[in-house]
Amino acid sequence: MFTHVTLGTNDPDASARFYDATFGALGIEGGRSGSSAYYGGYDGGFLSVGPPIDGAAATHANGGTVGLKARSQSEVDAWHAAGLANGGSSEGAPGRRDMGPNKLYGAYLRDPCGNKLAAFTTNVDD
């Protein structure tokens, strides 16, 4: 559905460490373009993180969350642990979060600049 998502950062090095670790836990490699880091590609969508182009300070979206797809519960767990170990903070530990008949397992993190992310899988153990 989306071509890309861009998040702002005031600390590109801290953000790159965090996103290298969390996307690595999901099996997604990253790259660099100037002071920005990116993950994924044009063929399936990508996320980039870097300083705002207008030169103003980056701020996180109040009420915004970027959701990421995980293949398994263990991948969600690894993603959350990688984020905590690389400057992130927990906004919700890994666990079941079923929505009606949909079986879901997910977790939430804030990156070093306050952006909120989630990783979810529908591959849930009963």
PDB file of N, CA and C in Angstrom:
ATOM      1  N   MET A   1       0.818  -1.194   0.000  1.00  0.00           N
ATOM      2  CA  MET A   1       0.000   0.000   0.000  1.00  0.00           C
ATOM      3  C   MET A   1       0.858   1.251   0.000  1.00  0.00           C
ATOM      4  N   PHE A   2       1.933   1.273   0.775  1.00  0.00           N
ATOM      5  CA  PHE A   2       2.774   2.463   0.877  1.00  0.00           C
ATOM      6  C   PHE A   2       4.069   2.275   0.102  1.00  0.00           C
ATOM      7  N   THR A   3       4.591   3.371  -0.437  1.00  0.00           N
ATOM      8  CA  THR A   3       5.912   3.322  -1.064  1.00  0.00           C
ATOM      9  C   THR A   3       6.999   3.517  -0.029  1.00  0.00           C
ATOM     10  N   HIS A   4       6.726   4.390   0.962  1.00  0.00           N
ATOM     11  CA  HIS A   4       7.729   4.645   1.987  1.00  0.00           C
ATOM     12  C   HIS A   4       7.124   5.365   3.184  1.00  0.00           C
ATOM     13  N   VAL A   5       7.866   5.297   4.282  1.00  0.00           N
ATOM     14  CA  VAL A   5       7.573   6.040   5.502  1.00  0.00           C
ATOM     15  C   VAL A   5       8.878   6.712   5.893  1.00  0.00           C
ATOM     16  N   THR A   6       8.821   7.994   6.233  1.00  0.00           N
ATOM     17  CA  THR A   6      10.012   8.729   6.651  1.00  0.00           C
ATOM     18  C   THR A   6       9.809   9.237   8.072  1.00  0.00           C
ATOM     19  N   LEU A   7      10.808   9.002   8.920  1.00  0.00           N
ATOM     20  CA  LEU A   7      10.789   9.482  10.297  1.00  0.00           C
ATOM     21  C   LEU A   7      11.949  10.427  10.512  1.00  0.00           C
ATOM     22  N   GLY A   8      11.726  11.462  11.306  1.00  0.00           N
ATOM     23  CA  GLY A   8      12.776  12.417  11.594  1.00  0.00           C
ATOM     24  C   GLY A   8      13.597  12.015  12.798  1.00  0.00           C
ATOM     25  N   THR A   9      14.852  12.469  12.802  1.00  0.00           N
ATOM     26  CA  THR A   9      15.732  12.237  13.940  1.00  0.00           C
ATOM     27  C   THR A   9      16.637  13.442  14.145  1.00  0.00           C
ATOM     28  N   ASN A  10      16.966  13.696  15.402  1.00  0.00           N
ATOM     29  CA  ASN A  10      17.952  14.717  15.748  1.00  0.00           C
ATOM     30  C   ASN A  10      19.311  14.089  16.031  1.00  0.00           C
ATOM     31  N   ASP A  11      19.370  12.760  16.036  1.00  0.00           N
ATOM     32  CA  ASP A  11      20.612  12.026  16.301  1.00  0.00           C
ATOM     33  C   ASP A  11      20.709  10.871  15.300  1.00  0.00           C
ATOM     34  N   PRO A  12      21.183  11.137  14.083  1.00  0.00           N
ATOM     35  CA  PRO A  12      21.230  10.095  13.051  1.00  0.00           C
ATOM     36  C   PRO A  12      22.028   8.857  13.441  1.00  0.00           C
ATOM     37  N   ASP A  13      23.119   9.019  14.199  1.00  0.00           N
ATOM     38  CA  ASP A  13      23.921   7.857  14.580  1.00  0.00           C
ATOM     39  C   ASP A  13      23.160   6.951  15.547  1.00  0.00           C
ATOM     40  N   ALA A  14      22.528   7.526  16.566  1.00  0.00           N
ATOM     41  CA  ALA A  14      21.746   6.728  17.520  1.00  0.00           C
ATOM     42  C   ALA A  14      20.573   6.057  16.814  1.00  0.00           C
ATOM     43  N   SER A  15      19.924   6.781  15.925  1.00  0.00           N
ATOM     44  CA  SER A  15      18.798   6.207  15.194  1.00  0.00           C
ATOM     45  C   SER A  15      19.249   5.065  14.299  1.00  0.00           C
ATOM     46  N   ALA A  16      20.374   5.221  13.611  1.00  0.00           N
ATOM     47  CA  ALA A  16      20.873   4.161  12.733  1.00  0.00           C
ATOM     48  C   ALA A  16      21.198   2.904  13.539  1.00  0.00           C
ATOM     49  N   ARG A  17      21.808   3.048  14.713  1.00  0.00           N
ATOM     50  CA  ARG A  17      22.088   1.879  15.559  1.00  0.00           C
ATOM     51  C   ARG A  17      20.797   1.166  15.938  1.00  0.00           C
ATOM     52  N   PHE A  18      19.795   1.941  16.374  1.00  0.00           N
ATOM     53  CA  PHE A  18      18.506   1.380  16.767  1.00  0.00           C
ATOM     54  C   PHE A  18      17.844   0.662  15.590  1.00  0.00           C
ATOM     55  N   TYR A  19      17.748   1.313  14.449  1.00  0.00           N
ATOM     56  CA  TYR A  19      17.059   0.718  13.302  1.00  0.00           C
ATOM     57  C   TYR A  19      17.856  -0.414  12.663  1.00  0.00           C
ATOM     58  N   ASP A  20      19.175  -0.343  12.652  1.00  0.00           N
ATOM     59  CA  ASP A  20      19.975  -1.477  12.176  1.00  0.00           C
ATOM     60  C   ASP A  20      19.648  -2.720  13.007  1.00  0.00           C
ATOM     61  N   ALA A  21      19.578  -2.548  14.330  1.00  0.00           N
ATOM     62  CA  ALA A  21      19.318  -3.680  15.230  1.00  0.00           C
ATOM     63  C   ALA A  21      17.888  -4.196  15.100  1.00  0.00           C
ATOM     64  N   THR A  22      16.906  -3.288  15.107  1.00  0.00           N
ATOM     65  CA  THR A  22      15.509  -3.747  15.086  1.00  0.00           C
ATOM     66  C   THR A  22      15.119  -4.315  13.728  1.00  0.00           C
ATOM     67  N   PHE A  23      15.539  -3.678  12.651  1.00  0.00           N
ATOM     68  CA  PHE A  23      15.230  -4.248  11.343  1.00  0.00           C
ATOM     69  C   PHE A  23      16.041  -5.516  11.102  1.00  0.00           C
ATOM     70  N   GLY A  24      17.262  -5.581  11.631  1.00  0.00           N
ATOM     71  CA  GLY A  24      18.055  -6.803  11.532  1.00  0.00           C
ATOM     72  C   GLY A  24      17.344  -7.977  12.194  1.00  0.00           C
ATOM     73  N   ALA A  25      16.672  -7.719  13.322  1.00  0.00           N
ATOM     74  CA  ALA A  25      15.912  -8.769  14.008  1.00  0.00           C
ATOM     75  C   ALA A  25      14.748  -9.274  13.162  1.00  0.00           C
ATOM     76  N   LEU A  26      14.284  -8.457  12.229  1.00  0.00           N
ATOM     77  CA  LEU A  26      13.210  -8.852  11.314  1.00  0.00           C
ATOM     78  C   LEU A  26      13.758  -9.374   9.983  1.00  0.00           C
ATOM     79  N   GLY A  27      15.079  -9.469   9.884  1.00  0.00           N
ATOM     80  CA  GLY A  27      15.691  -9.980   8.656  1.00  0.00           C
ATOM     81  C   GLY A  27      15.739  -8.979   7.520  1.00  0.00           C
ATOM     82  N   ILE A  28      15.680  -7.681   7.841  1.00  0.00           N
ATOM     83  CA  ILE A  28      15.672  -6.622   6.826  1.00  0.00           C
ATOM     84  C   ILE A  28      16.966  -5.832   6.913  1.00  0.00           C
ATOM     85  N   GLU A  29      17.719  -5.813   5.829  1.00  0.00           N
ATOM     86  CA  GLU A  29      18.980  -5.067   5.798  1.00  0.00           C
ATOM     87  C   GLU A  29      18.719  -3.597   5.521  1.00  0.00           C
ATOM     88  N   GLY A  30      19.670  -2.779   5.925  1.00  0.00           N
ATOM     89  CA  GLY A  30      19.557  -1.344   5.720  1.00  0.00           C
ATOM     90  C   GLY A  30      20.695  -0.801   4.897  1.00  0.00           C
ATOM     91  N   GLY A  31      20.619   0.489   4.642  1.00  0.00           N
ATOM     92  CA  GLY A  31      21.657   1.190   3.907  1.00  0.00           C
ATOM     93  C   GLY A  31      21.707   2.635   4.359  1.00  0.00           C
ATOM     94  N   ARG A  32      22.590   3.401   3.755  1.00  0.00           N
ATOM     95  CA  ARG A  32      22.752   4.810   4.110  1.00  0.00           C
ATOM     96  C   ARG A  32      22.706   5.670   2.856  1.00  0.00           C
ATOM     97  N   SER A  33      22.160   6.846   3.020  1.00  0.00           N
ATOM     98  CA  SER A  33      22.166   7.872   1.983  1.00  0.00           C
ATOM     99  C   SER A  33      22.409   9.196   2.697  1.00  0.00           C
ATOM    100  N   GLY A  34      23.629   9.680   2.651  1.00  0.00           N
ATOM    101  CA  GLY A  34      23.976  10.881   3.404  1.00  0.00           C
ATOM    102  C   GLY A  34      23.824  10.621   4.880  1.00  0.00           C
ATOM    103  N   SER A  35      23.096  11.483   5.599  1.00  0.00           N
ATOM    104  CA  SER A  35      22.898  11.302   7.031  1.00  0.00           C
ATOM    105  C   SER A  35      21.635  10.499   7.355  1.00  0.00           C
ATOM    106  N   SER A  36      20.994   9.948   6.336  1.00  0.00           N
ATOM    107  CA  SER A  36      19.783   9.149   6.543  1.00  0.00           C
ATOM    108  C   SER A  36      20.089   7.661   6.413  1.00  0.00           C
ATOM    109  N   ALA A  37      19.314   6.855   7.129  1.00  0.00           N
ATOM    110  CA  ALA A  37      19.377   5.400   7.017  1.00  0.00           C
ATOM    111  C   ALA A  37      18.055   4.942   6.403  1.00  0.00           C
ATOM    112  N   TYR A  38      18.092   3.846   5.657  1.00  0.00           N
ATOM    113  CA  TYR A  38      16.865   3.322   5.073  1.00  0.00           C
ATOM    114  C   TYR A  38      16.860   1.801   5.142  1.00  0.00           C
ATOM    115  N   TYR A  39      15.649   1.234   5.122  1.00  0.00           N
ATOM    116  CA  TYR A  39      15.433  -0.200   5.283  1.00  0.00           C
ATOM    117  C   TYR A  39      14.314  -0.615   4.348  1.00  0.00           C
ATOM    118  N   GLY A  40      14.514  -1.698   3.622  1.00  0.00           N
ATOM    119  CA  GLY A  40      13.556  -2.137   2.625  1.00  0.00           C
ATOM    120  C   GLY A  40      13.959  -1.596   1.269  1.00  0.00           C
ATOM    121  N   GLY A  41      13.000  -1.486   0.350  1.00  0.00           N
ATOM    122  CA  GLY A  41      13.308  -0.991  -0.988  1.00  0.00           C
ATOM    123  C   GLY A  41      12.062  -0.556  -1.729  1.00  0.00           C
ATOM    124  N   TYR A  42      12.271   0.023  -2.895  1.00  0.00           N
ATOM    125  CA  TYR A  42      11.150   0.539  -3.677  1.00  0.00           C
ATOM    126  C   TYR A  42      10.189  -0.548  -4.133  1.00  0.00           C
ATOM    127  N   ASP A  43      10.677  -1.781  -4.286  1.00  0.00           N
ATOM    128  CA  ASP A  43       9.812  -2.850  -4.756  1.00  0.00           C
ATOM    129  C   ASP A  43       8.773  -3.280  -3.730  1.00  0.00           C
ATOM    130  N   GLY A  44       9.049  -3.101  -2.427  1.00  0.00           N
ATOM    131  CA  GLY A  44       8.101  -3.523  -1.409  1.00  0.00           C
ATOM    132  C   GLY A  44       7.858  -2.490  -0.335  1.00  0.00           C
ATOM    133  N   GLY A  45       8.351  -1.291  -0.533  1.00  0.00           N
ATOM    134  CA  GLY A  45       8.212  -0.226   0.450  1.00  0.00           C
ATOM    135  C   GLY A  45       9.425  -0.148   1.352  1.00  0.00           C
ATOM    136  N   PHE A  46       9.712   1.054   1.831  1.00  0.00           N
ATOM    137  CA  PHE A  46      10.863   1.231   2.707  1.00  0.00           C
ATOM    138  C   PHE A  46      10.582   2.272   3.764  1.00  0.00           C
ATOM    139  N   LEU A  47      11.379   2.209   4.823  1.00  0.00           N
ATOM    140  CA  LEU A  47      11.340   3.194   5.883  1.00  0.00           C
ATOM    141  C   LEU A  47      12.690   3.885   5.909  1.00  0.00           C
ATOM    142  N   SER A  48      12.667   5.194   5.997  1.00  0.00           N
ATOM    143  CA  SER A  48      13.915   5.946   6.142  1.00  0.00           C
ATOM    144  C   SER A  48      13.830   6.801   7.398  1.00  0.00           C
ATOM    145  N   VAL A  49      15.007   7.073   7.967  1.00  0.00           N
ATOM    146  CA  VAL A  49      15.089   7.917   9.155  1.00  0.00           C
ATOM    147  C   VAL A  49      16.284   8.843   8.979  1.00  0.00           C
ATOM    148  N   GLY A  50      16.036  10.130   9.164  1.00  0.00           N
ATOM    149  CA  GLY A  50      17.098  11.105   8.989  1.00  0.00           C
ATOM    150  C   GLY A  50      16.659  12.466   9.478  1.00  0.00           C
ATOM    151  N   PRO A  51      17.573  13.427   9.487  1.00  0.00           N
ATOM    152  CA  PRO A  51      17.218  14.782   9.893  1.00  0.00           C
ATOM    153  C   PRO A  51      16.192  15.387   8.935  1.00  0.00           C
ATOM    154  N   PRO A  52      15.272  16.210   9.433  1.00  0.00           N
ATOM    155  CA  PRO A  52      14.299  16.847   8.553  1.00  0.00           C
ATOM    156  C   PRO A  52      14.990  17.679   7.465  1.00  0.00           C
ATOM    157  N   ILE A  53      14.445  17.625   6.272  1.00  0.00           N
ATOM    158  CA  ILE A  53      15.020  18.342   5.132  1.00  0.00           C
ATOM    159  C   ILE A  53      14.989  19.849   5.338  1.00  0.00           C
ATOM    160  N   ASP A  54      13.988  20.355   6.081  1.00  0.00           N
ATOM    161  CA  ASP A  54      13.878  21.804   6.274  1.00  0.00           C
ATOM    162  C   ASP A  54      14.867  22.356   7.300  1.00  0.00           C
ATOM    163  N   GLY A  55      15.654  21.461   7.937  1.00  0.00           N
ATOM    164  CA  GLY A  55      16.646  21.911   8.907  1.00  0.00           C
ATOM    165  C   GLY A  55      16.100  22.153  10.299  1.00  0.00           C
ATOM    166  N   ALA A  56      14.796  22.086  10.490  1.00  0.00           N
ATOM    167  CA  ALA A  56      14.203  22.269  11.818  1.00  0.00           C
ATOM    168  C   ALA A  56      14.392  20.992  12.639  1.00  0.00           C
ATOM    169  N   ALA A  57      14.156  21.094  13.928  1.00  0.00           N
ATOM    170  CA  ALA A  57      14.281  19.934  14.812  1.00  0.00           C
ATOM    171  C   ALA A  57      13.221  18.891  14.482  1.00  0.00           C
ATOM    172  N   ALA A  58      13.601  17.633  14.590  1.00  0.00           N
ATOM    173  CA  ALA A  58      12.654  16.538  14.404  1.00  0.00           C
ATOM    174  C   ALA A  58      11.793  16.395  15.647  1.00  0.00           C
ATOM    175  N   THR A  59      10.524  16.087  15.461  1.00  0.00           N
ATOM    176  CA  THR A  59       9.611  15.782  16.556  1.00  0.00           C
ATOM    177  C   THR A  59       8.857  14.519  16.185  1.00  0.00           C
ATOM    178  N   HIS A  60       8.435  13.765  17.193  1.00  0.00           N
ATOM    179  CA  HIS A  60       7.686  12.535  16.908  1.00  0.00           C
ATOM    180  C   HIS A  60       6.203  12.855  16.780  1.00  0.00           C
ATOM    181  N   ALA A  61       5.507  11.981  16.077  1.00  0.00           N
ATOM    182  CA  ALA A  61       4.074  12.159  15.843  1.00  0.00           C
ATOM    183  C   ALA A  61       3.294  11.730  17.073  1.00  0.00           C
ATOM    184  N   ASN A  62       2.526  12.636  17.647  1.00  0.00           N
ATOM    185  CA  ASN A  62       1.675  12.314  18.776  1.00  0.00           C
ATOM    186  C   ASN A  62       0.471  11.540  18.245  1.00  0.00           C
ATOM    187  N   GLY A  63       0.372  10.284  18.632  1.00  0.00           N
ATOM    188  CA  GLY A  63      -0.713   9.436  18.143  1.00  0.00           C
ATOM    189  C   GLY A  63      -0.315   8.598  16.943  1.00  0.00           C
ATOM    190  N   GLY A  64       0.875   8.798  16.403  1.00  0.00           N
ATOM    191  CA  GLY A  64       1.322   8.041  15.240  1.00  0.00           C
ATOM    192  C   GLY A  64       2.091   6.798  15.637  1.00  0.00           C
ATOM    193  N   THR A  65       1.888   5.719  14.902  1.00  0.00           N
ATOM    194  CA  THR A  65       2.629   4.477  15.095  1.00  0.00           C
ATOM    195  C   THR A  65       2.927   3.885  13.726  1.00  0.00           C
ATOM    196  N   VAL A  66       4.160   3.426  13.530  1.00  0.00           N
ATOM    197  CA  VAL A  66       4.531   2.706  12.322  1.00  0.00           C
ATOM    198  C   VAL A  66       4.521   1.227  12.672  1.00  0.00           C
ATOM    199  N   GLY A  67       3.676   0.452  11.992  1.00  0.00           N
ATOM    200  CA  GLY A  67       3.563  -0.980  12.239  1.00  0.00           C
ATOM    201  C   GLY A  67       4.418  -1.774  11.271  1.00  0.00           C
ATOM    202  N   LEU A  68       5.168  -2.736  11.807  1.00  0.00           N
ATOM    203  CA  LEU A  68       6.062  -3.566  11.016  1.00  0.00           C
ATOM    204  C   LEU A  68       5.605  -5.023  11.084  1.00  0.00           C
ATOM    205  N   LYS A  69       5.758  -5.730   9.982  1.00  0.00           N
ATOM    206  CA  LYS A  69       5.347  -7.125   9.901  1.00  0.00           C
ATOM    207  C   LYS A  69       6.476  -8.039  10.350  1.00  0.00           C
ATOM    208  N   ALA A  70       6.155  -8.946  11.259  1.00  0.00           N
ATOM    209  CA  ALA A  70       7.092  -9.971  11.707  1.00  0.00           C
ATOM    210  C   ALA A  70       6.568 -11.328  11.240  1.00  0.00           C
ATOM    211  N   ARG A  71       7.478 -12.276  11.067  1.00  0.00           N
ATOM    212  CA  ARG A  71       7.083 -13.604  10.591  1.00  0.00           C
ATOM    213  C   ARG A  71       6.687 -14.549  11.719  1.00  0.00           C
ATOM    214  N   SER A  72       7.099 -14.257  12.959  1.00  0.00           N
ATOM    215  CA  SER A  72       6.839 -15.175  14.067  1.00  0.00           C
ATOM    216  C   SER A  72       6.849 -14.426  15.396  1.00  0.00           C
ATOM    217  N   GLN A  73       6.364 -15.112  16.421  1.00  0.00           N
ATOM    218  CA  GLN A  73       6.395 -14.528  17.761  1.00  0.00           C
ATOM    219  C   GLN A  73       7.834 -14.331  18.212  1.00  0.00           C
ATOM    220  N   SER A  74       8.717 -15.262  17.910  1.00  0.00           N
ATOM    221  CA  SER A  74      10.111 -15.115  18.320  1.00  0.00           C
ATOM    222  C   SER A  74      10.766 -13.935  17.615  1.00  0.00           C
ATOM    223  N   GLU A  75      10.337 -13.626  16.394  1.00  0.00           N
ATOM    224  CA  GLU A  75      10.875 -12.458  15.699  1.00  0.00           C
ATOM    225  C   GLU A  75      10.408 -11.167  16.374  1.00  0.00           C
ATOM    226  N   VAL A  76       9.156 -11.127  16.820  1.00  0.00           N
ATOM    227  CA  VAL A  76       8.659  -9.972  17.579  1.00  0.00           C
ATOM    228  C   VAL A  76       9.479  -9.805  18.859  1.00  0.00           C
ATOM    229  N   ASP A  77       9.713 -10.910  19.557  1.00  0.00           N
ATOM    230  CA  ASP A  77      10.499 -10.866  20.791  1.00  0.00           C
ATOM    231  C   ASP A  77      11.907 -10.330  20.525  1.00  0.00           C
ATOM    232  N   ALA A  78      12.543 -10.829  19.468  1.00  0.00           N
ATOM    233  CA  ALA A  78      13.908 -10.392  19.118  1.00  0.00           C
ATOM    234  C   ALA A  78      13.922  -8.922  18.732  1.00  0.00           C
ATOM    235  N   TRP A  79      12.915  -8.472  18.002  1.00  0.00           N
ATOM    236  CA  TRP A  79      12.793  -7.069  17.598  1.00  0.00           C
ATOM    237  C   TRP A  79      12.717  -6.173  18.828  1.00  0.00           C
ATOM    238  N   HIS A  80      11.863  -6.531  19.769  1.00  0.00           N
ATOM    239  CA  HIS A  80      11.679  -5.739  20.979  1.00  0.00           C
ATOM    240  C   HIS A  80      12.972  -5.696  21.791  1.00  0.00           C
ATOM    241  N   ALA A  81      13.612  -6.854  21.966  1.00  0.00           N
ATOM    242  CA  ALA A  81      14.868  -6.913  22.727  1.00  0.00           C
ATOM    243  C   ALA A  81      15.967  -6.097  22.044  1.00  0.00           C
ATOM    244  N   ALA A  82      16.048  -6.166  20.720  1.00  0.00           N
ATOM    245  CA  ALA A  82      17.062  -5.398  19.983  1.00  0.00           C
ATOM    246  C   ALA A  82      16.836  -3.903  20.155  1.00  0.00           C
ATOM    247  N   GLY A  83      15.590  -3.487  20.147  1.00  0.00           N
ATOM    248  CA  GLY A  83      15.289  -2.072  20.347  1.00  0.00           C
ATOM    249  C   GLY A  83      15.679  -1.586  21.723  1.00  0.00           C
ATOM    250  N   LEU A  84      15.369  -2.365  22.753  1.00  0.00           N
ATOM    251  CA  LEU A  84      15.729  -1.983  24.116  1.00  0.00           C
ATOM    252  C   LEU A  84      17.241  -1.927  24.296  1.00  0.00           C
ATOM    253  N   ALA A  85      17.954  -2.829  23.637  1.00  0.00           N
ATOM    254  CA  ALA A  85      19.411  -2.881  23.761  1.00  0.00           C
ATOM    255  C   ALA A  85      20.117  -1.798  22.953  1.00  0.00           C
ATOM    256  N   ASN A  86      19.362  -1.084  22.117  1.00  0.00           N
ATOM    257  CA  ASN A  86      19.975  -0.088  21.228  1.00  0.00           C
ATOM    258  C   ASN A  86      19.315   1.281  21.336  1.00  0.00           C
ATOM    259  N   GLY A  87      18.972   1.673  22.559  1.00  0.00           N
ATOM    260  CA  GLY A  87      18.520   3.032  22.815  1.00  0.00           C
ATOM    261  C   GLY A  87      17.030   3.262  22.765  1.00  0.00           C
ATOM    262  N   GLY A  88      16.238   2.217  22.525  1.00  0.00           N
ATOM    263  CA  GLY A  88      14.787   2.373  22.497  1.00  0.00           C
ATOM    264  C   GLY A  88      14.182   2.176  23.878  1.00  0.00           C
ATOM    265  N   SER A  89      12.898   2.493  23.988  1.00  0.00           N
ATOM    266  CA  SER A  89      12.168   2.263  25.231  1.00  0.00           C
ATOM    267  C   SER A  89      10.872   1.536  24.905  1.00  0.00           C
ATOM    268  N   SER A  90      10.425   0.720  25.835  1.00  0.00           N
ATOM    269  CA  SER A  90       9.231  -0.093  25.613  1.00  0.00           C
ATOM    270  C   SER A  90       7.965   0.742  25.758  1.00  0.00           C
ATOM    271  N   GLU A  91       7.054   0.526  24.831  1.00  0.00           N
ATOM    272  CA  GLU A  91       5.710   1.105  24.918  1.00  0.00           C
ATOM    273  C   GLU A  91       4.677  -0.013  25.035  1.00  0.00           C
ATOM    274  N   GLY A  92       5.154  -1.240  25.195  1.00  0.00           N
ATOM    275  CA  GLY A  92       4.280  -2.402  25.324  1.00  0.00           C
ATOM    276  C   GLY A  92       5.080  -3.666  25.054  1.00  0.00           C
ATOM    277  N   ALA A  93       5.260  -4.486  26.079  1.00  0.00           N
ATOM    278  CA  ALA A  93       6.053  -5.705  25.963  1.00  0.00           C
ATOM    279  C   ALA A  93       5.402  -6.684  24.979  1.00  0.00           C
ATOM    280  N   PRO A  94       6.191  -7.596  24.426  1.00  0.00           N
ATOM    281  CA  PRO A  94       5.630  -8.601  23.523  1.00  0.00           C
ATOM    282  C   PRO A  94       4.523  -9.410  24.194  1.00  0.00           C
ATOM    283  N   GLY A  95       3.462  -9.659  23.447  1.00  0.00           N
ATOM    284  CA  GLY A  95       2.356 -10.449  23.974  1.00  0.00           C
ATOM    285  C   GLY A  95       1.196 -10.507  23.001  1.00  0.00           C
ATOM    286  N   ARG A  96       0.178 -11.285  23.381  1.00  0.00           N
ATOM    287  CA  ARG A  96      -1.022 -11.440  22.564  1.00  0.00           C
ATOM    288  C   ARG A  96      -1.830 -10.150  22.598  1.00  0.00           C
ATOM    289  N   ARG A  97      -2.320  -9.770  21.438  1.00  0.00           N
ATOM    290  CA  ARG A  97      -3.182  -8.598  21.307  1.00  0.00           C
ATOM    291  C   ARG A  97      -4.238  -8.904  20.262  1.00  0.00           C
ATOM    292  N   ASP A  98      -5.038  -9.924  20.527  1.00  0.00           N
ATOM    293  CA  ASP A  98      -6.056 -10.347  19.573  1.00  0.00           C
ATOM    294  C   ASP A  98      -7.070  -9.236  19.345  1.00  0.00           C
ATOM    295  N   MET A  99      -7.544  -9.150  18.110  1.00  0.00           N
ATOM    296  CA  MET A  99      -8.589  -8.189  17.740  1.00  0.00           C
ATOM    297  C   MET A  99      -9.739  -8.997  17.147  1.00  0.00           C
ATOM    298  N   GLY A 100     -10.782  -9.209  17.943  1.00  0.00           N
ATOM    299  CA  GLY A 100     -11.887 -10.035  17.490  1.00  0.00           C
ATOM    300  C   GLY A 100     -11.384 -11.424  17.139  1.00  0.00           C
ATOM    301  N   PRO A 101     -11.709 -11.918  15.952  1.00  0.00           N
ATOM    302  CA  PRO A 101     -11.264 -13.260  15.569  1.00  0.00           C
ATOM    303  C   PRO A 101      -9.802 -13.313  15.107  1.00  0.00           C
ATOM    304  N   ASN A 102      -9.159 -12.160  14.966  1.00  0.00           N
ATOM    305  CA  ASN A 102      -7.778 -12.107  14.484  1.00  0.00           C
ATOM    306  C   ASN A 102      -6.801 -12.359  15.621  1.00  0.00           C
ATOM    307  N   LYS A 103      -6.002 -13.425  15.469  1.00  0.00           N
ATOM    308  CA  LYS A 103      -4.991 -13.759  16.465  1.00  0.00           C
ATOM    309  C   LYS A 103      -3.735 -12.966  16.143  1.00  0.00           C
ATOM    310  N   LEU A 104      -3.310 -12.127  17.089  1.00  0.00           N
ATOM    311  CA  LEU A 104      -2.156 -11.255  16.893  1.00  0.00           C
ATOM    312  C   LEU A 104      -1.197 -11.374  18.062  1.00  0.00           C
ATOM    313  N   TYR A 105       0.078 -11.174  17.766  1.00  0.00           N
ATOM    314  CA  TYR A 105       1.126 -11.125  18.775  1.00  0.00           C
ATOM    315  C   TYR A 105       2.010  -9.960  18.388  1.00  0.00           C
ATOM    316  N   GLY A 106       2.238  -9.041  19.331  1.00  0.00           N
ATOM    317  CA  GLY A 106       3.009  -7.866  18.971  1.00  0.00           C
ATOM    318  C   GLY A 106       3.665  -7.191  20.155  1.00  0.00           C
ATOM    319  N   ALA A 107       4.417  -6.129  19.831  1.00  0.00           N
ATOM    320  CA  ALA A 107       5.113  -5.337  20.833  1.00  0.00           C
ATOM    321  C   ALA A 107       5.266  -3.921  20.296  1.00  0.00           C
ATOM    322  N   TYR A 108       5.508  -2.977  21.207  1.00  0.00           N
ATOM    323  CA  TYR A 108       5.675  -1.572  20.852  1.00  0.00           C
ATOM    324  C   TYR A 108       6.976  -1.030  21.419  1.00  0.00           C
ATOM    325  N   LEU A 109       7.613  -0.142  20.662  1.00  0.00           N
ATOM    326  CA  LEU A 109       8.837   0.544  21.078  1.00  0.00           C
ATOM    327  C   LEU A 109       8.774   2.012  20.705  1.00  0.00           C
ATOM    328  N   ARG A 110       9.554   2.818  21.393  1.00  0.00           N
ATOM    329  CA  ARG A 110       9.880   4.177  20.958  1.00  0.00           C
ATOM    330  C   ARG A 110      11.339   4.152  20.549  1.00  0.00           C
ATOM    331  N   ASP A 111      11.660   4.778  19.423  1.00  0.00           N
ATOM    332  CA  ASP A 111      13.060   4.873  19.010  1.00  0.00           C
ATOM    333  C   ASP A 111      13.752   5.947  19.843  1.00  0.00           C
ATOM    334  N   PRO A 112      15.069   6.150  19.683  1.00  0.00           N
ATOM    335  CA  PRO A 112      15.776   7.129  20.510  1.00  0.00           C
ATOM    336  C   PRO A 112      15.241   8.554  20.398  1.00  0.00           C
ATOM    337  N   CYS A 113      14.499   8.873  19.334  1.00  0.00           N
ATOM    338  CA  CYS A 113      13.950  10.226  19.172  1.00  0.00           C
ATOM    339  C   CYS A 113      12.468  10.306  19.519  1.00  0.00           C
ATOM    340  N   GLY A 114      11.869   9.217  19.994  1.00  0.00           N
ATOM    341  CA  GLY A 114      10.477   9.243  20.430  1.00  0.00           C
ATOM    342  C   GLY A 114       9.463   8.735  19.428  1.00  0.00           C
ATOM    343  N   ASN A 115       9.879   8.348  18.218  1.00  0.00           N
ATOM    344  CA  ASN A 115       8.941   7.788  17.243  1.00  0.00           C
ATOM    345  C   ASN A 115       8.449   6.437  17.743  1.00  0.00           C
ATOM    346  N   LYS A 116       7.147   6.176  17.586  1.00  0.00           N
ATOM    347  CA  LYS A 116       6.548   4.937  18.076  1.00  0.00           C
ATOM    348  C   LYS A 116       6.434   3.923  16.951  1.00  0.00           C
ATOM    349  N   LEU A 117       6.868   2.693  17.247  1.00  0.00           N
ATOM    350  CA  LEU A 117       6.818   1.603  16.286  1.00  0.00           C
ATOM    351  C   LEU A 117       6.193   0.385  16.936  1.00  0.00           C
ATOM    352  N   ALA A 118       5.670  -0.501  16.104  1.00  0.00           N
ATOM    353  CA  ALA A 118       5.130  -1.769  16.570  1.00  0.00           C
ATOM    354  C   ALA A 118       5.577  -2.855  15.609  1.00  0.00           C
ATOM    355  N   ALA A 119       5.731  -4.054  16.120  1.00  0.00           N
ATOM    356  CA  ALA A 119       5.964  -5.224  15.274  1.00  0.00           C
ATOM    357  C   ALA A 119       4.908  -6.240  15.642  1.00  0.00           C
ATOM    358  N   PHE A 120       4.234  -6.793  14.624  1.00  0.00           N
ATOM    359  CA  PHE A 120       3.155  -7.752  14.837  1.00  0.00           C
ATOM    360  C   PHE A 120       3.288  -8.931  13.888  1.00  0.00           C
ATOM    361  N   THR A 121       2.800 -10.083  14.372  1.00  0.00           N
ATOM    362  CA  THR A 121       2.672 -11.262  13.529  1.00  0.00           C
ATOM    363  C   THR A 121       1.286 -11.843  13.693  1.00  0.00           C
ATOM    364  N   THR A 122       0.797 -12.456  12.624  1.00  0.00           N
ATOM    365  CA  THR A 122      -0.460 -13.205  12.684  1.00  0.00           C
ATOM    366  C   THR A 122      -0.157 -14.699  12.810  1.00  0.00           C
ATOM    367  N   ASN A 123       1.121 -15.053  12.828  1.00  0.00           N
ATOM    368  CA  ASN A 123       1.565 -16.432  13.006  1.00  0.00           C
ATOM    369  C   ASN A 123       1.655 -16.686  14.509  1.00  0.00           C
ATOM    370  N   VAL A 124       0.495 -16.953  15.122  1.00  0.00           N
ATOM    371  CA  VAL A 124       0.385 -16.989  16.577  1.00  0.00           C
ATOM    372  C   VAL A 124       0.220 -18.429  17.065  1.00  0.00           C
ATOM    373  N   ASP A 125       0.992 -18.780  18.104  1.00  0.00           N
ATOM    374  CA  ASP A 125       0.855 -20.065  18.758  1.00  0.00           C
ATOM    375  C   ASP A 125      -0.396 -20.027  19.637  1.00  0.00           C
ATOM    376  N   ASP A 126      -1.195 -21.064  19.581  1.00  0.00           N
ATOM    377  CA  ASP A 126      -2.378 -21.115  20.446  1.00  0.00           C
ATOM    378  C   ASP A 126      -2.021 -21.554  21.840  1.00  0.00           C
TER     379      ASP A 126
END
